[in-house]
Amino acid sequence: MDSNMEAAALLMIAVLFFGFSLVSKWIKSLPITAPMVFTAGGFCLYFFSRKALGMSVSEGAVHFLAELTLVLVLFSDAASINVRKLLKDHLLPVRMLAIGLPFSILLGAGFAYVLFGTFTMWMSLLLASVLAPTDAALGQSVVSDKTVPERIRQAISVESGLNDGLALPLVLVFLAIAGMGTVGTSALEWLGFSLLQILLGPAVGLTLGYAGAKLVDAAVDRGLISKSFEGISALALSVLCFSTAELVFGNGFIAAFVGGLAFGHFIRHECNYLFEFAESEGQFFTLSTFFILGAIALPIIGEHFEWMYIVYGILSLTVIRMLPISVSLIRTGIGWPTKAFLGWFGPRGLASILFALLIVEEEKFAGSEEIVAIVLVTVLMSIALHGVSSAYLSRQYGEYVLAKGECAEMEKVRSAKIRAH
């Protein structure tokens, strides 16, 4: 990317951040979300440059930002959840993750295998796994609207915070198998590599997450660490988990997720800085990723587009998501409108974008470009549909529950967040 194009990209993203910040409170009253605005900004840059940032999707800068964002999001989301409280008090997200997530992957793979004749079983499973994680930020009104019962808002938020990390090992395994025949790797070599990735990644994350929590607690007890550097230490720990795992041939992303779980579980002090990160620095990285999505999506989709991609995208956002969620919530006492609400508000966003970029970077095999294009089509549809519908449907659902009165949806639950440690 030449210096003029680089300056133009920086100018546009700076104007977007500054301008959106000035009207961020007012814009909440409109059916417009931040991901919609920043994705549209990326579109504008593409049409302005006609070269999508003046670089290919495999350019190092894009992947560096994508990898860093994924590491920080995996760690901070996992660390923000109190696993003990989750398992004890939060039946809905536990069932959505334990039953709904694997069911949606199998159902999505089945549809992909039928609709795309050239896809192998492993390619179909890879596509379904990439599109399985949800992103609550695309329907921010749902988790912030107080008319929606707290139990339902927490179910959506907790599910979104954990399903990316749970889907990640499957994405990596299916990616390795799908590309195995094209990279000259024997089955035995692949098995050894996969075992190293799957075993060493969590081991590194657990060790460093535990050690990091104890060291931060000790520093706080002795008055050695300032509040601002508590947050910096957590962010540094996420990168430490990633880089250490990569150096010992484990998977860094799994290490970051497990490290976050361990850190959140073992830390004794309140971790408000993790929430502050998610609301500030995390927002910056996340919205920058949506900006990049807008800039790179059109040329990638245009090169491989088929109308069947839209069909699969619609199925992914509806049947493939909503049916498994409804099944997972059988005998929980909640009504079918709530099941439909929880099923619909499983937007596809940041995790799916970053997983798609991993496919581009890690493996080149027949059909990989088509998988990435399908993912991007689905994410763009989700950004628009969930962004437009979130505020209206939240109000309608809130009125429905209020009229219903005392019900399972209104049950009081303790926060699963470690802010209430």
Protein backbone atom coordinates (compact mmCIF):
# COMPACT_ATOMS: atom_id res chain seq x y z
CA MET A 1 0.00 0.00 0.00
CA ASP A 2 1.58 3.30 -1.05
CA SER A 3 1.90 6.22 1.35
CA ASN A 4 -1.02 8.16 -0.16
CA MET A 5 -3.36 5.18 0.13
CA GLU A 6 -2.15 4.52 3.65
CA ALA A 7 -2.84 8.13 4.61
CA ALA A 8 -6.31 7.96 3.03
CA ALA A 9 -7.16 4.81 4.98
CA LEU A 10 -5.95 6.30 8.26
CA LEU A 11 -7.83 9.54 7.54
CA MET A 12 -11.10 7.75 6.89
CA ILE A 13 -10.94 5.49 9.91
CA ALA A 14 -9.92 8.41 12.16
CA VAL A 15 -12.84 10.51 10.88
CA LEU A 16 -15.19 7.57 11.44
CA PHE A 17 -14.06 7.01 15.02
CA PHE A 18 -14.15 10.70 15.88
CA GLY A 19 -17.45 11.39 14.15
CA PHE A 20 -19.19 8.32 15.52
CA SER A 21 -17.96 9.12 19.03
CA LEU A 22 -19.58 12.57 18.85
CA VAL A 23 -23.04 11.12 18.11
CA SER A 24 -22.69 7.68 19.74
CA LYS A 25 -25.38 8.32 22.36
CA TRP A 26 -27.85 9.85 19.91
CA ILE A 27 -27.34 7.12 17.31
CA LYS A 28 -28.54 4.49 19.79
CA SER A 29 -32.06 5.80 19.17
CA LEU A 30 -31.76 4.85 15.49
CA PRO A 31 -31.81 1.40 13.85
CA ILE A 32 -28.09 1.79 13.17
CA THR A 33 -25.20 0.09 14.95
CA ALA A 34 -21.49 0.84 15.10
CA PRO A 35 -20.57 -2.28 13.06
CA MET A 36 -22.95 -1.10 10.32
CA VAL A 37 -21.30 2.33 10.20
CA PHE A 38 -17.73 1.03 10.15
CA THR A 39 -18.46 -1.68 7.59
CA ALA A 40 -20.05 0.99 5.39
CA GLY A 41 -16.91 3.09 5.89
CA GLY A 42 -14.83 0.20 4.60
CA PHE A 43 -17.10 -0.05 1.56
CA CYS A 44 -16.52 3.65 0.88
CA LEU A 45 -12.77 3.22 1.08
CA TYR A 46 -12.91 0.30 -1.34
CA PHE A 47 -14.93 2.27 -3.89
CA PHE A 48 -12.62 5.25 -3.38
CA SER A 49 -9.44 3.23 -3.92
CA ARG A 50 -10.87 0.47 -6.17
CA LYS A 51 -8.13 -1.72 -4.71
CA ALA A 52 -9.45 -2.61 -1.25
CA LEU A 53 -6.87 -0.80 0.84
CA GLY A 54 -4.37 -1.14 -1.98
CA MET A 55 -3.40 -4.66 -0.83
CA SER A 56 -4.50 -8.27 -0.94
CA VAL A 57 -6.35 -9.94 1.90
CA SER A 58 -3.19 -11.85 2.81
CA GLU A 59 -1.23 -8.67 3.49
CA GLY A 60 0.65 -8.91 6.79
CA ALA A 61 -0.84 -5.78 8.36
CA VAL A 62 -4.40 -7.09 8.02
CA HIS A 63 -3.49 -10.41 9.58
CA PHE A 64 -1.53 -8.80 12.38
CA LEU A 65 -4.55 -6.71 13.37
CA ALA A 66 -6.86 -9.71 12.97
CA GLU A 67 -4.69 -11.99 15.11
CA LEU A 68 -4.16 -9.37 17.81
CA THR A 69 -7.89 -8.62 17.95
CA LEU A 70 -8.78 -12.31 18.17
CA VAL A 71 -6.25 -12.91 20.97
CA LEU A 72 -7.51 -9.94 23.01
CA VAL A 73 -11.18 -10.77 22.46
CA LEU A 74 -10.76 -14.47 23.30
CA PHE A 75 -8.86 -13.67 26.49
CA SER A 76 -11.02 -10.78 27.72
CA ASP A 77 -14.34 -12.52 26.96
CA ALA A 78 -13.25 -15.71 28.73
CA ALA A 79 -11.73 -13.84 31.68
CA SER A 80 -14.94 -11.85 32.16
CA ILE A 81 -16.96 -14.98 32.95
CA ASN A 82 -17.10 -16.57 36.39
CA VAL A 83 -17.26 -20.23 35.38
CA ARG A 84 -18.40 -21.40 38.83
CA LYS A 85 -21.38 -19.03 38.81
CA LEU A 86 -22.12 -19.87 35.18
CA LEU A 87 -22.42 -23.61 35.82
CA LYS A 88 -24.43 -23.11 39.02
CA ASP A 89 -26.87 -20.35 38.14
CA HIS A 90 -27.11 -20.02 34.36
CA LEU A 91 -28.97 -22.93 32.82
CA LEU A 92 -29.88 -21.17 29.56
CA PRO A 93 -26.41 -20.28 28.21
CA VAL A 94 -24.95 -23.58 29.45
CA ARG A 95 -27.52 -25.52 27.43
CA MET A 96 -27.15 -23.20 24.45
CA LEU A 97 -23.41 -23.87 24.47
CA ALA A 98 -23.46 -27.58 25.35
CA ILE A 99 -26.35 -28.62 23.09
CA GLY A 100 -27.13 -25.76 20.72
CA LEU A 101 -23.56 -25.09 19.54
CA PRO A 102 -22.64 -28.64 18.41
CA PHE A 103 -26.13 -29.19 16.97
CA SER A 104 -25.88 -25.99 14.91
CA ILE A 105 -22.47 -27.06 13.56
CA LEU A 106 -23.80 -30.46 12.49
CA LEU A 107 -26.94 -28.93 10.96
CA GLY A 108 -24.95 -26.23 9.17
CA ALA A 109 -22.52 -28.81 7.81
CA GLY A 110 -25.41 -30.91 6.53
CA PHE A 111 -26.94 -27.99 4.64
CA ALA A 112 -23.54 -27.00 3.23
CA TYR A 113 -22.82 -30.54 2.05
CA VAL A 114 -26.15 -30.67 0.21
CA LEU A 115 -26.09 -27.15 -1.25
CA PHE A 116 -22.45 -27.05 -2.38
CA GLY A 117 -21.73 -30.13 -4.44
CA THR A 118 -17.96 -29.64 -4.51
CA PHE A 119 -17.62 -29.43 -0.72
CA THR A 120 -16.24 -32.40 1.17
CA MET A 121 -17.60 -33.33 4.58
CA TRP A 122 -14.63 -31.62 6.26
CA MET A 123 -15.09 -28.42 4.26
CA SER A 124 -18.77 -28.38 5.23
CA LEU A 125 -17.88 -28.86 8.89
CA LEU A 126 -15.27 -26.10 8.62
CA LEU A 127 -17.80 -23.63 7.16
CA ALA A 128 -20.38 -24.48 9.82
CA SER A 129 -17.81 -24.13 12.63
CA VAL A 130 -16.63 -20.74 11.39
CA LEU A 131 -20.22 -19.48 11.36
CA ALA A 132 -21.20 -21.03 14.71
CA PRO A 133 -19.89 -18.27 17.07
CA THR A 134 -22.14 -15.30 17.76
CA ASP A 135 -21.36 -11.63 18.32
CA ALA A 136 -23.66 -9.79 20.74
CA ALA A 137 -22.18 -6.45 19.63
CA LEU A 138 -24.16 -6.64 16.38
CA GLY A 139 -27.39 -6.45 18.37
CA GLN A 140 -26.19 -4.21 21.18
CA SER A 141 -29.73 -3.02 21.96
CA VAL A 142 -30.65 -6.54 23.05
CA VAL A 143 -28.08 -6.75 25.85
CA SER A 144 -28.49 -3.11 26.91
CA ASP A 145 -32.30 -2.75 26.77
CA LYS A 146 -33.59 -2.98 30.36
CA THR A 147 -37.05 -4.05 29.19
CA VAL A 148 -35.51 -7.38 28.15
CA PRO A 149 -35.30 -9.55 31.32
CA GLU A 150 -31.84 -9.76 32.84
CA ARG A 151 -31.84 -13.56 32.59
CA ILE A 152 -32.29 -13.38 28.81
CA ARG A 153 -29.76 -10.58 28.34
CA GLN A 154 -27.17 -12.50 30.32
CA ALA A 155 -27.86 -15.67 28.33
CA ILE A 156 -27.10 -13.85 25.07
CA SER A 157 -24.05 -12.08 26.47
CA VAL A 158 -22.51 -15.15 28.12
CA GLU A 159 -23.12 -17.38 25.10
CA SER A 160 -21.48 -14.82 22.83
CA GLY A 161 -18.52 -14.48 25.17
CA LEU A 162 -17.71 -18.19 25.23
CA ASN A 163 -18.82 -19.80 21.97
CA ASP A 164 -15.97 -18.35 19.91
CA GLY A 165 -13.40 -20.02 22.14
CA LEU A 166 -15.33 -23.29 22.17
CA ALA A 167 -15.68 -23.32 18.37
CA LEU A 168 -12.03 -22.44 17.77
CA PRO A 169 -10.53 -25.94 18.29
CA LEU A 170 -13.08 -27.37 15.85
CA VAL A 171 -12.23 -24.69 13.28
CA LEU A 172 -8.53 -25.52 13.56
CA VAL A 173 -9.06 -29.29 13.35
CA PHE A 174 -11.43 -29.11 10.37
CA LEU A 175 -9.15 -26.59 8.67
CA ALA A 176 -6.17 -28.92 9.04
CA ILE A 177 -8.09 -31.95 7.75
CA ALA A 178 -9.67 -30.05 4.84
CA GLY A 179 -6.26 -28.84 3.69
CA MET A 180 -4.33 -32.00 4.48
CA GLY A 181 -4.47 -33.46 1.00
CA THR A 182 -3.03 -30.33 -0.62
CA VAL A 183 -0.02 -29.64 1.57
CA GLY A 184 1.80 -32.98 1.34
CA THR A 185 1.30 -33.86 5.00
CA SER A 186 0.93 -37.52 5.97
CA ALA A 187 -1.84 -38.59 8.32
CA LEU A 188 0.70 -39.42 11.03
CA GLU A 189 2.41 -36.03 10.75
CA TRP A 190 -0.93 -34.27 10.84
CA LEU A 191 -2.00 -36.26 13.91
CA GLY A 192 1.17 -35.34 15.78
CA PHE A 193 0.85 -31.67 14.87
CA SER A 194 -2.82 -31.57 15.89
CA LEU A 195 -2.11 -33.21 19.24
CA LEU A 196 0.61 -30.66 19.96
CA GLN A 197 -1.73 -27.81 19.06
CA ILE A 198 -4.68 -29.10 21.06
CA LEU A 199 -2.75 -30.25 24.15
CA LEU A 200 0.01 -27.68 24.49
CA GLY A 201 -2.22 -24.66 23.83
CA PRO A 202 -4.54 -25.26 26.80
CA ALA A 203 -1.61 -26.34 29.00
CA VAL A 204 0.22 -23.08 28.35
CA GLY A 205 -2.96 -21.02 28.80
CA LEU A 206 -3.88 -22.71 32.07
CA THR A 207 -0.37 -22.34 33.51
CA LEU A 208 0.11 -18.70 32.55
CA GLY A 209 -3.48 -17.72 33.38
CA TYR A 210 -3.15 -19.18 36.88
CA ALA A 211 0.31 -17.69 37.45
CA GLY A 212 -0.79 -14.31 36.09
CA ALA A 213 -3.83 -14.17 38.39
CA LYS A 214 -1.74 -14.99 41.45
CA LEU A 215 0.93 -12.43 40.55
CA VAL A 216 -1.65 -9.67 39.96
CA ASP A 217 -3.35 -10.51 43.28
CA ALA A 218 0.00 -10.39 45.09
CA ALA A 219 0.88 -7.06 43.48
CA VAL A 220 -2.51 -5.59 44.45
CA ASP A 221 -2.22 -6.86 48.04
CA ARG A 222 1.20 -5.23 48.41
CA GLY A 223 0.17 -1.98 46.75
CA LEU A 224 2.74 -2.44 43.98
CA ILE A 225 0.46 -2.02 40.96
CA SER A 226 -1.67 0.93 39.87
CA LYS A 227 -5.22 0.57 38.57
CA SER A 228 -4.30 1.52 35.03
CA PHE A 229 -1.53 -1.07 34.88
CA GLU A 230 -3.84 -3.80 36.17
CA GLY A 231 -5.53 -3.58 32.79
CA ILE A 232 -2.26 -3.43 30.90
CA SER A 233 -1.01 -6.51 32.76
CA ALA A 234 -4.09 -8.50 31.70
CA LEU A 235 -3.67 -7.48 28.05
CA ALA A 236 0.02 -8.35 28.17
CA LEU A 237 -0.86 -11.73 29.69
CA SER A 238 -3.16 -12.51 26.76
CA VAL A 239 -0.33 -11.89 24.27
CA LEU A 240 2.06 -13.83 26.53
CA CYS A 241 -0.26 -16.86 26.41
CA PHE A 242 -0.49 -16.64 22.62
CA SER A 243 3.20 -16.15 21.89
CA THR A 244 4.42 -18.76 24.40
CA ALA A 245 2.08 -21.40 23.00
CA GLU A 246 3.20 -20.64 19.45
CA LEU A 247 6.87 -20.98 20.45
CA VAL A 248 6.31 -24.46 21.90
CA PHE A 249 4.16 -25.53 18.89
CA GLY A 250 0.84 -25.22 20.69
CA ASN A 251 -2.06 -23.18 19.39
CA GLY A 252 -1.84 -19.59 20.58
CA PHE A 253 -5.52 -18.79 20.17
CA ILE A 254 -6.61 -21.74 22.30
CA ALA A 255 -3.97 -20.71 24.85
CA ALA A 256 -5.39 -17.17 24.97
CA PHE A 257 -8.93 -18.47 25.55
CA VAL A 258 -7.94 -20.99 28.24
CA GLY A 259 -5.62 -18.41 29.80
CA GLY A 260 -8.55 -16.01 30.06
CA LEU A 261 -10.74 -18.67 31.69
CA ALA A 262 -7.98 -19.48 34.20
CA PHE A 263 -7.26 -15.82 34.93
CA GLY A 264 -10.93 -15.04 35.54
CA HIS A 265 -11.37 -18.14 37.71
CA PHE A 266 -8.35 -17.67 39.98
CA ILE A 267 -8.15 -13.87 40.32
CA ARG A 268 -9.43 -12.70 43.74
CA HIS A 269 -9.76 -8.98 43.10
CA GLU A 270 -12.41 -7.26 41.02
CA CYS A 271 -11.43 -7.01 37.38
CA ASN A 272 -13.29 -3.92 36.24
CA TYR A 273 -10.43 -3.17 33.86
CA LEU A 274 -11.50 -6.12 31.69
CA PHE A 275 -14.90 -4.48 31.20
CA GLU A 276 -13.26 -1.12 30.63
CA PHE A 277 -11.07 -2.71 27.96
CA ALA A 278 -14.08 -4.28 26.24
CA GLU A 279 -15.81 -0.89 26.22
CA SER A 280 -12.84 1.15 24.95
CA GLU A 281 -9.70 -0.47 23.51
CA GLY A 282 -11.65 -3.61 22.62
CA GLN A 283 -14.19 -1.50 20.77
CA PHE A 284 -11.40 0.16 18.82
CA PHE A 285 -9.94 -3.14 17.63
CA THR A 286 -13.34 -4.65 16.94
CA LEU A 287 -14.65 -1.73 14.90
CA SER A 288 -11.36 -1.51 13.01
CA THR A 289 -11.92 -5.13 12.01
CA PHE A 290 -15.39 -4.29 10.70
CA PHE A 291 -13.85 -1.41 8.74
CA ILE A 292 -11.37 -3.83 7.17
CA LEU A 293 -14.23 -6.24 6.45
CA GLY A 294 -15.99 -3.56 4.44
CA ALA A 295 -12.81 -2.79 2.51
CA ILE A 296 -11.93 -6.37 1.58
CA ALA A 297 -15.32 -8.11 1.35
CA LEU A 298 -16.57 -6.93 -2.03
CA PRO A 299 -13.59 -8.03 -4.15
CA ILE A 300 -13.46 -11.43 -2.41
CA ILE A 301 -17.20 -12.02 -2.73
CA GLY A 302 -17.31 -10.68 -6.27
CA GLU A 303 -14.66 -13.12 -7.45
CA HIS A 304 -16.52 -16.21 -6.22
CA PHE A 305 -20.14 -15.11 -5.76
CA GLU A 306 -23.05 -17.47 -6.35
CA TRP A 307 -26.67 -16.87 -5.40
CA MET A 308 -26.54 -20.05 -3.33
CA TYR A 309 -24.28 -18.16 -0.90
CA ILE A 310 -27.21 -15.92 0.01
CA VAL A 311 -29.46 -18.96 0.44
CA TYR A 312 -26.96 -20.52 2.83
CA GLY A 313 -26.53 -17.21 4.65
CA ILE A 314 -30.29 -16.98 5.25
CA LEU A 315 -30.38 -20.58 6.45
CA SER A 316 -27.39 -19.94 8.74
CA LEU A 317 -29.09 -16.97 10.41
CA THR A 318 -32.45 -18.73 10.77
CA VAL A 319 -32.93 -22.51 10.69
CA ILE A 320 -29.31 -23.52 11.36
CA ARG A 321 -29.21 -21.24 14.41
CA MET A 322 -32.78 -21.12 15.66
CA LEU A 323 -33.70 -24.82 15.54
CA PRO A 324 -30.71 -26.00 17.65
CA ILE A 325 -31.29 -23.22 20.18
CA SER A 326 -34.97 -24.15 20.49
CA VAL A 327 -34.06 -27.81 20.98
CA SER A 328 -31.42 -26.94 23.57
CA LEU A 329 -33.99 -25.00 25.62
CA ILE A 330 -36.61 -27.75 25.84
CA ARG A 331 -37.90 -28.17 29.42
CA THR A 332 -36.41 -24.92 30.65
CA GLY A 333 -39.85 -23.41 31.21
CA ILE A 334 -39.43 -20.52 28.77
CA GLY A 335 -41.99 -19.87 26.03
CA TRP A 336 -41.52 -20.25 22.30
CA PRO A 337 -41.27 -16.45 21.72
CA THR A 338 -38.25 -16.43 24.03
CA LYS A 339 -36.71 -19.39 22.23
CA ALA A 340 -37.23 -17.58 18.93
CA PHE A 341 -35.77 -14.38 20.39
CA LEU A 342 -32.65 -16.17 21.67
CA GLY A 343 -32.37 -18.04 18.39
CA TRP A 344 -32.61 -14.96 16.20
CA PHE A 345 -30.16 -12.92 18.24
CA GLY A 346 -27.14 -15.01 17.44
CA PRO A 347 -25.52 -12.54 15.01
CA ARG A 348 -22.40 -13.56 13.09
CA GLY A 349 -19.63 -11.02 13.44
CA LEU A 350 -16.12 -10.59 14.73
CA ALA A 351 -15.19 -14.23 15.44
CA SER A 352 -16.43 -15.42 12.04
CA ILE A 353 -14.50 -12.65 10.27
CA LEU A 354 -11.29 -13.49 12.10
CA PHE A 355 -11.72 -17.24 11.60
CA ALA A 356 -12.20 -16.59 7.87
CA LEU A 357 -8.95 -14.63 7.77
CA LEU A 358 -7.26 -17.59 9.49
CA ILE A 359 -8.39 -19.80 6.61
CA VAL A 360 -6.85 -17.38 4.13
CA GLU A 361 -3.59 -17.26 6.05
CA GLU A 362 -3.18 -20.88 7.17
CA GLU A 363 -4.37 -23.08 4.31
CA LYS A 364 -4.83 -22.97 0.56
CA PHE A 365 -6.99 -25.77 -0.78
CA ALA A 366 -9.68 -26.14 -3.41
CA GLY A 367 -12.78 -24.45 -2.07
CA SER A 368 -11.13 -22.36 0.65
CA GLU A 369 -11.87 -19.11 -1.20
CA GLU A 370 -15.52 -20.13 -1.56
CA ILE A 371 -15.76 -20.84 2.17
CA VAL A 372 -14.36 -17.39 2.97
CA ALA A 373 -16.78 -15.75 0.51
CA ILE A 374 -19.78 -17.56 2.05
CA VAL A 375 -18.70 -16.48 5.53
CA LEU A 376 -18.35 -12.84 4.45
CA VAL A 377 -21.76 -12.86 2.72
CA THR A 378 -23.37 -14.26 5.88
CA VAL A 379 -21.63 -11.76 8.16
CA LEU A 380 -22.64 -8.81 5.97
CA MET A 381 -26.25 -10.01 5.99
CA SER A 382 -26.10 -10.39 9.76
CA ILE A 383 -24.65 -6.90 10.28
CA ALA A 384 -27.57 -5.42 8.35
CA LEU A 385 -30.45 -7.63 9.55
CA HIS A 386 -29.54 -7.83 13.22
CA GLY A 387 -28.50 -4.19 13.35
CA VAL A 388 -31.82 -3.00 11.95
CA SER A 389 -34.01 -5.38 13.96
CA SER A 390 -32.35 -5.35 17.39
CA ALA A 391 -33.95 -2.23 18.90
CA TYR A 392 -37.46 -2.90 17.56
CA LEU A 393 -37.56 -6.59 18.47
CA SER A 394 -36.11 -5.88 21.91
CA ARG A 395 -38.95 -3.46 22.63
CA GLN A 396 -41.57 -5.88 21.31
CA TYR A 397 -40.13 -8.78 23.29
CA GLY A 398 -39.88 -6.67 26.45
CA GLU A 399 -43.57 -5.78 26.16
CA TYR A 400 -44.44 -9.46 25.64
CA VAL A 401 -42.63 -10.54 28.81
CA LEU A 402 -44.09 -7.65 30.82
CA ALA A 403 -47.61 -8.64 29.76
CA LYS A 404 -46.86 -12.26 30.62
CA GLY A 405 -46.07 -11.36 34.22
CA GLU A 406 -44.38 -13.85 36.55
CA CYS A 407 -42.61 -16.40 34.36
CA ALA A 408 -39.40 -18.37 33.88
CA GLU A 409 -37.91 -15.54 31.82
CA MET A 410 -38.20 -13.17 34.80
CA GLU A 411 -36.30 -15.38 37.24
CA LYS A 412 -33.56 -13.53 39.09
CA VAL A 413 -30.02 -14.68 38.32
CA ARG A 414 -26.68 -13.68 39.76
CA SER A 415 -24.31 -12.08 37.34
CA ALA A 416 -21.93 -14.51 35.65
CA LYS A 417 -19.44 -11.67 35.26
CA ILE A 418 -16.39 -11.47 37.51
CA ARG A 419 -17.22 -7.83 38.29
CA ALA A 420 -19.35 -9.40 41.02
CA HIS A 421 -16.52 -11.63 42.24
